[in-house]
Amino acid sequence: MKKLITEEDVRRVLKTGSKVVVTGSNAIITPLARDLIRSKNLAVIEKKFDDDSAGRKNFPFKKIAVGSDHTGFKTKNSLIKLLTGKDYQVYDVGTFDEKSCDYPDFALAVSEKVQQNSVDCGIIIDATGIPSAIAANKVEGIRAATCYNEFSAKSSRAHNDANVLVLGAKALGDETIFSIVGTWLNTAFEGGRHQRRLNKITGIEKKYRN
């Protein structure tokens, strides 16, 4: 059985004064535990990304557009490095430095690539994950979901067929973000009754189209 390392386990290690979290080779470390480990500079053997190759078999997401404002710049770069290492084709639409900029510009850049079928899906990172989602959802055909844990990520794909994932760099730690992205990319749309509901959303979109 795989051992689960939680945030509470890490806090117990901290109380002992140790700087090392000892895990087995098959241990599962929760995202909150990873963030605490990183913040306290603890040593640990860790698996940084859920590479569920079996779950991705015959799965359509290969090309991904990634964008952020200045608050998500560092996280975006770390995520792109991680994704390219997993053989995804990543298109960085900016921003390209930490100078203050406007999130709608990059939300639009990602969303247009998805709408035009230049990529299979998009990921946007800002401070909270809320404003870029609002902007992205103004683009016809975009279903942008702000996700804050693995459950919301899985649901947004399985039930809502979200094609853009939006994340908050100031609301979540990088390890949590990486875990959410892994879940989101490896979850397929279930169709069925969920497709009927999406059709109704499309109907609303068409009704108020200019």
Protein backbone atom coordinates (compact mmCIF):
# COMPACT_ATOMS: atom_id res chain seq x y z
CA MET A 1 0.00 0.00 0.00
CA LYS A 2 1.26 3.47 -0.88
CA LYS A 3 1.92 5.78 2.04
CA LEU A 4 0.18 9.17 1.93
CA ILE A 5 2.26 12.10 3.17
CA THR A 6 -0.02 14.95 4.31
CA GLU A 7 0.55 18.50 5.50
CA GLU A 8 0.09 17.27 9.08
CA ASP A 9 2.86 14.69 8.60
CA VAL A 10 5.21 17.46 7.48
CA ARG A 11 4.28 19.61 10.47
CA ARG A 12 5.14 16.70 12.78
CA VAL A 13 8.58 16.53 11.16
CA LEU A 14 9.02 20.27 11.70
CA LYS A 15 8.22 19.90 15.40
CA THR A 16 11.10 17.45 15.78
CA GLY A 17 13.54 19.96 14.32
CA SER A 18 14.45 17.64 11.47
CA LYS A 19 15.03 19.06 7.99
CA VAL A 20 14.29 15.79 6.20
CA VAL A 21 10.94 14.18 5.31
CA VAL A 22 11.53 10.44 4.89
CA THR A 23 9.22 8.71 2.38
CA GLY A 24 9.10 5.39 0.64
CA SER A 25 9.74 5.20 -3.08
CA ASN A 26 5.99 4.82 -3.74
CA ALA A 27 4.82 7.52 -1.33
CA ILE A 28 2.12 9.96 -2.39
CA ILE A 29 2.69 13.52 -1.19
CA THR A 30 -0.37 15.79 -1.12
CA PRO A 31 -0.08 19.20 -2.81
CA LEU A 32 -0.42 21.08 0.49
CA ALA A 33 2.37 18.95 1.95
CA ARG A 34 4.59 19.71 -1.05
CA ASP A 35 4.02 23.43 -0.66
CA LEU A 36 4.92 23.30 3.02
CA ILE A 37 8.02 21.22 2.27
CA ARG A 38 9.15 23.79 -0.26
CA SER A 39 8.45 26.79 1.99
CA LYS A 40 10.44 25.24 4.86
CA ASN A 41 13.30 24.06 2.61
CA LEU A 42 12.95 20.46 3.69
CA ALA A 43 14.69 17.64 1.87
CA VAL A 44 12.41 15.00 0.35
CA ILE A 45 12.24 12.52 -2.47
CA GLU A 46 9.30 13.68 -4.52
CA LYS A 47 7.46 13.07 -7.77
CA LYS A 48 6.62 16.50 -9.19
CA PHE A 49 3.92 15.61 -11.70
CA ASP A 50 1.26 12.96 -12.15
CA ASP A 51 2.28 11.41 -15.44
CA ASP A 52 -0.71 9.14 -16.00
CA SER A 53 0.29 7.87 -19.42
CA ALA A 54 -2.37 5.16 -19.28
CA GLY A 55 -5.05 7.78 -18.65
CA ARG A 56 -3.79 9.84 -21.58
CA LYS A 57 -4.02 6.97 -24.09
CA ASN A 58 -6.10 8.13 -27.08
CA PHE A 59 -6.63 11.46 -25.30
CA PRO A 60 -6.78 14.58 -27.51
CA PHE A 61 -4.81 17.17 -25.51
CA LYS A 62 -1.37 17.49 -27.08
CA LYS A 63 -1.04 21.17 -28.02
CA ILE A 64 -1.50 23.71 -25.23
CA ALA A 65 -1.51 27.52 -25.28
CA VAL A 66 -0.26 28.98 -22.00
CA GLY A 67 -0.48 32.62 -20.94
CA SER A 68 -0.30 34.76 -17.83
CA ASP A 69 -0.16 38.30 -16.56
CA HIS A 70 2.80 39.54 -14.51
CA THR A 71 1.56 37.88 -11.31
CA GLY A 72 1.62 34.46 -12.95
CA PHE A 73 4.80 34.92 -14.96
CA LYS A 74 7.12 32.79 -12.80
CA THR A 75 4.58 30.02 -12.34
CA LYS A 76 3.87 30.03 -16.08
CA ASN A 77 7.53 29.51 -16.89
CA SER A 78 7.82 26.66 -14.38
CA LEU A 79 4.67 25.03 -15.77
CA ILE A 80 5.86 25.33 -19.37
CA LYS A 81 9.14 23.64 -18.46
CA LEU A 82 7.21 20.83 -16.78
CA LEU A 83 4.80 20.34 -19.68
CA THR A 84 7.46 20.36 -22.40
CA GLY A 85 9.33 17.76 -20.38
CA LYS A 86 6.20 15.58 -20.67
CA ASP A 87 6.17 15.94 -24.48
CA TYR A 88 3.30 18.41 -24.74
CA GLN A 89 3.58 21.04 -27.47
CA VAL A 90 3.35 24.32 -25.57
CA TYR A 91 2.75 27.76 -27.10
CA ASP A 92 3.70 30.62 -24.78
CA VAL A 93 1.60 33.68 -25.61
CA GLY A 94 3.12 35.86 -22.86
CA THR A 95 3.59 37.85 -20.82
CA PHE A 96 7.37 37.58 -21.08
CA ASP A 97 8.51 39.53 -18.01
CA GLU A 98 7.22 40.72 -14.63
CA LYS A 99 6.34 44.25 -15.72
CA SER A 100 2.77 45.19 -14.84
CA CYS A 101 0.39 44.26 -17.66
CA ASP A 102 -3.32 43.70 -18.32
CA TYR A 103 -4.67 40.16 -17.88
CA PRO A 104 -7.41 40.44 -20.57
CA ASP A 105 -4.73 40.65 -23.28
CA PHE A 106 -3.32 37.23 -22.43
CA ALA A 107 -6.66 35.64 -21.64
CA LEU A 108 -7.73 36.67 -25.13
CA ALA A 109 -4.52 35.40 -26.73
CA VAL A 110 -4.96 31.96 -25.19
CA SER A 111 -8.69 31.82 -25.93
CA GLU A 112 -8.30 32.80 -29.57
CA LYS A 113 -5.79 30.00 -30.13
CA VAL A 114 -8.27 27.52 -28.66
CA GLN A 115 -11.19 28.94 -30.64
CA GLN A 116 -9.20 28.81 -33.89
CA ASN A 117 -8.18 25.19 -33.19
CA SER A 118 -4.51 26.13 -33.28
CA VAL A 119 -4.21 24.24 -29.99
CA ASP A 120 -6.25 21.61 -28.15
CA CYS A 121 -6.69 23.58 -24.93
CA GLY A 122 -5.42 26.56 -22.98
CA ILE A 123 -4.06 27.41 -19.54
CA ILE A 124 -4.10 30.92 -18.07
CA ILE A 125 -2.49 32.08 -14.83
CA ASP A 126 -3.18 35.33 -12.99
CA ALA A 127 -3.33 36.27 -9.30
CA THR A 128 -6.59 34.54 -8.32
CA GLY A 129 -7.75 32.73 -11.45
CA ILE A 130 -10.98 34.73 -11.52
CA PRO A 131 -10.45 37.77 -13.79
CA SER A 132 -8.85 35.86 -16.66
CA ALA A 133 -11.70 33.34 -16.59
CA ILE A 134 -14.22 36.17 -16.89
CA ALA A 135 -12.31 37.57 -19.87
CA ALA A 136 -11.80 34.21 -21.57
CA ASN A 137 -15.47 33.28 -21.32
CA LYS A 138 -16.38 36.32 -23.43
CA VAL A 139 -14.90 34.48 -26.42
CA GLU A 140 -17.45 32.35 -28.24
CA GLY A 141 -16.90 28.64 -27.74
CA ILE A 142 -14.62 29.03 -24.76
CA ARG A 143 -15.44 27.24 -21.52
CA ALA A 144 -12.88 28.56 -19.07
CA ALA A 145 -12.88 27.09 -15.57
CA THR A 146 -11.14 28.48 -12.49
CA CYS A 147 -9.96 25.43 -10.57
CA TYR A 148 -8.63 25.36 -7.02
CA ASN A 149 -8.12 21.63 -6.35
CA GLU A 150 -8.08 18.30 -8.16
CA PHE A 151 -11.82 17.72 -7.66
CA SER A 152 -12.81 20.96 -9.39
CA ALA A 153 -10.30 20.24 -12.16
CA LYS A 154 -11.70 16.76 -12.77
CA SER A 155 -15.29 17.98 -12.68
CA SER A 156 -14.62 20.87 -15.06
CA ARG A 157 -13.37 18.43 -17.67
CA ALA A 158 -15.62 15.42 -17.07
CA HIS A 159 -18.87 17.38 -16.71
CA ASN A 160 -18.26 20.75 -18.39
CA ASP A 161 -15.77 19.90 -21.15
CA ALA A 162 -13.72 22.95 -20.12
CA ASN A 163 -11.21 23.85 -22.81
CA VAL A 164 -9.36 26.54 -20.84
CA LEU A 165 -8.00 26.07 -17.31
CA VAL A 166 -7.48 29.20 -15.21
CA LEU A 167 -5.32 29.24 -12.08
CA GLY A 168 -4.34 31.72 -9.38
CA ALA A 169 -0.63 32.04 -8.68
CA LYS A 170 -1.25 34.02 -5.50
CA ALA A 171 -4.04 31.72 -4.33
CA LEU A 172 -2.21 28.40 -4.81
CA GLY A 173 1.33 27.10 -4.48
CA ASP A 174 3.16 25.79 -7.52
CA GLU A 175 2.94 22.14 -6.46
CA THR A 176 -0.82 22.44 -6.05
CA ILE A 177 -1.06 24.09 -9.47
CA PHE A 178 1.02 21.33 -11.08
CA SER A 179 -1.22 18.68 -9.54
CA ILE A 180 -4.38 20.46 -10.74
CA VAL A 181 -2.97 20.73 -14.27
CA GLY A 182 -2.07 17.03 -14.28
CA THR A 183 -5.60 16.05 -13.25
CA TRP A 184 -7.20 18.44 -15.73
CA LEU A 185 -5.14 17.27 -18.70
CA ASN A 186 -5.76 13.60 -17.90
CA THR A 187 -9.55 13.81 -17.53
CA ALA A 188 -11.82 13.24 -20.52
CA PHE A 189 -15.30 14.66 -21.08
CA GLU A 190 -17.99 12.11 -20.17
CA GLY A 191 -20.65 13.30 -22.61
CA GLY A 192 -24.15 11.92 -22.09
CA ARG A 193 -26.36 14.15 -19.93
CA HIS A 194 -23.49 16.61 -19.63
CA GLN A 195 -23.53 17.18 -23.40
CA ARG A 196 -27.22 18.06 -23.21
CA ARG A 197 -26.42 20.75 -20.65
CA LEU A 198 -23.53 22.08 -22.70
CA ASN A 199 -25.86 22.36 -25.67
CA LYS A 200 -28.07 24.61 -23.56
CA ILE A 201 -25.07 26.79 -22.69
CA THR A 202 -24.28 27.06 -26.39
CA GLY A 203 -27.89 28.07 -26.97
CA ILE A 204 -27.55 30.91 -24.45
CA GLU A 205 -24.32 31.99 -26.12
CA LYS A 206 -26.00 32.13 -29.54
CA LYS A 207 -29.05 33.95 -28.19
CA TYR A 208 -26.95 36.88 -26.99
CA ARG A 209 -24.45 36.90 -29.83
CA ASN A 210 -24.00 40.39 -31.31
